């Protein structure tokens, strides 16, 4: 049995969903197949935005974004074969889900607050919509498939935004619901990213958590292989959009892949490896736009003769949010309070650096989260926001004030000490210093094999290319 997981870029529009459906049909002809699917690319961000708008009373924004979400999915439903049995039924199913979303948004508007529980309930709509559409598309190609909600399968704790699956009841649910479908030749199309508490309250496993969902399902069905389909040919030494001749890391151990994920490799959620390690299920990361490429294979062991290069992981569209002490003074508890406030709001802090001497905290968040992050911190801590004042007034109960917010990106260099890469961090520091690259914040692993830099957003591409050359990763050097 094989489990396939398709990310948001793989199911980004009608053409891509047709492409994915062909991959699924080919797989089903060879062996029993289970599928886990993410929301369509960009939809989760829209759902977060519309939930915040509803709670904030911005009815115009709610109507606009809700219509965008509806149109994205109805356009895909309309692309199903004309006259087919699923076309009208799928369009109607999309409208019913959008109607339920609208009613939920009305409730948020009345409440005037977006709780962590409400946040999870709203964002889960994305995966349910994409599962319905993908199942219908697979059926239109002659293979029986059905959408299955992970809220009926994956039992989690009650930590909204970062729920942890409980494997024993989840395995029992999968045995009852998923395995019989496979025995009957039906492909289950399971919603990624979401689960539910034992009481049936919807939870989510964290941003990009569909990888994690797929690993949980793979462990529960005893899969022979898990394939995560993305838009690149595996894990590379750098973003191929920045470094076109980046090299593919063809083989990794579970530990090496987990290390890359912890430093932000977008093709793999940090908690993906855990569920598949005990059963030694091989993981292959492959490109849905180039399905013949073997991609990156992750397994328990590796060829001792292989060459394992460091990998450079970059991210843009981020914002640096500096918090510093007001006249009320700074306490270590202030940092903990700020991080907990953002976690409770479902806002990921992608990197943070605390300076005891400067009595401040540097937070890196996504661009789309910065306004909400600022609002939550102001409301929770009664802090004073004064981005243009070099000496803001005293902060309130939280003990901080905001400095200016800057567009930034992160560049992480991940080496593997067992492969002779234990000095990669010092080599990266030296390269940036030699070329005068301004570094705004740094976090480093305990060993000298990995380090993350926060730089100005405009400097990210050049920084990636500089480090790629300095670390000897160019094709002519990486022998």
Foldseek 3Di string as FASTA:
>chain_A
DEEEEEEQDCPQALVSLLLVLVVVVVVLVPAQYEYEYEFHPPLLLLLLVLLLCLLQVVVVSNVVSLVVNLVRLLRNLCPQDPPDPCSVVLNVVSVVLSVVLVVLSPVSNVVSDCFLLSSQVRSLSRLQSSLSSSQSSSVSVPFAEDEDEQQQAFAFADQAQATDTDQPRNLVSCVVPPVVCSVVRYHYHYYAQWYAHPVSRIGGNHVVRRLQVSLSSCLSVVHQAYEYEDADQAAWQEDCVLVVQTHAAAEEELVQVLLVQLLPDSSHHNNNSVSCQVSFRKYAYGYSVCRVRRGHIYTHDDDPPDQDAKHKYKDFQKKKKKKAFAPVAADPVLVVVLVVLCSRVSWDFSDKDQDPVRRIMITMTHNSCPVVSVVSCCVVFVAEEDQVDPHDHGTGNSRIYIHHMAGKMKMKIAFDVVNVQQQLQVLLVVQCVVVVFDFDDKDDDPTNGMIMTIGHRVCGSVSSVSSCVSRQRPPVRRD
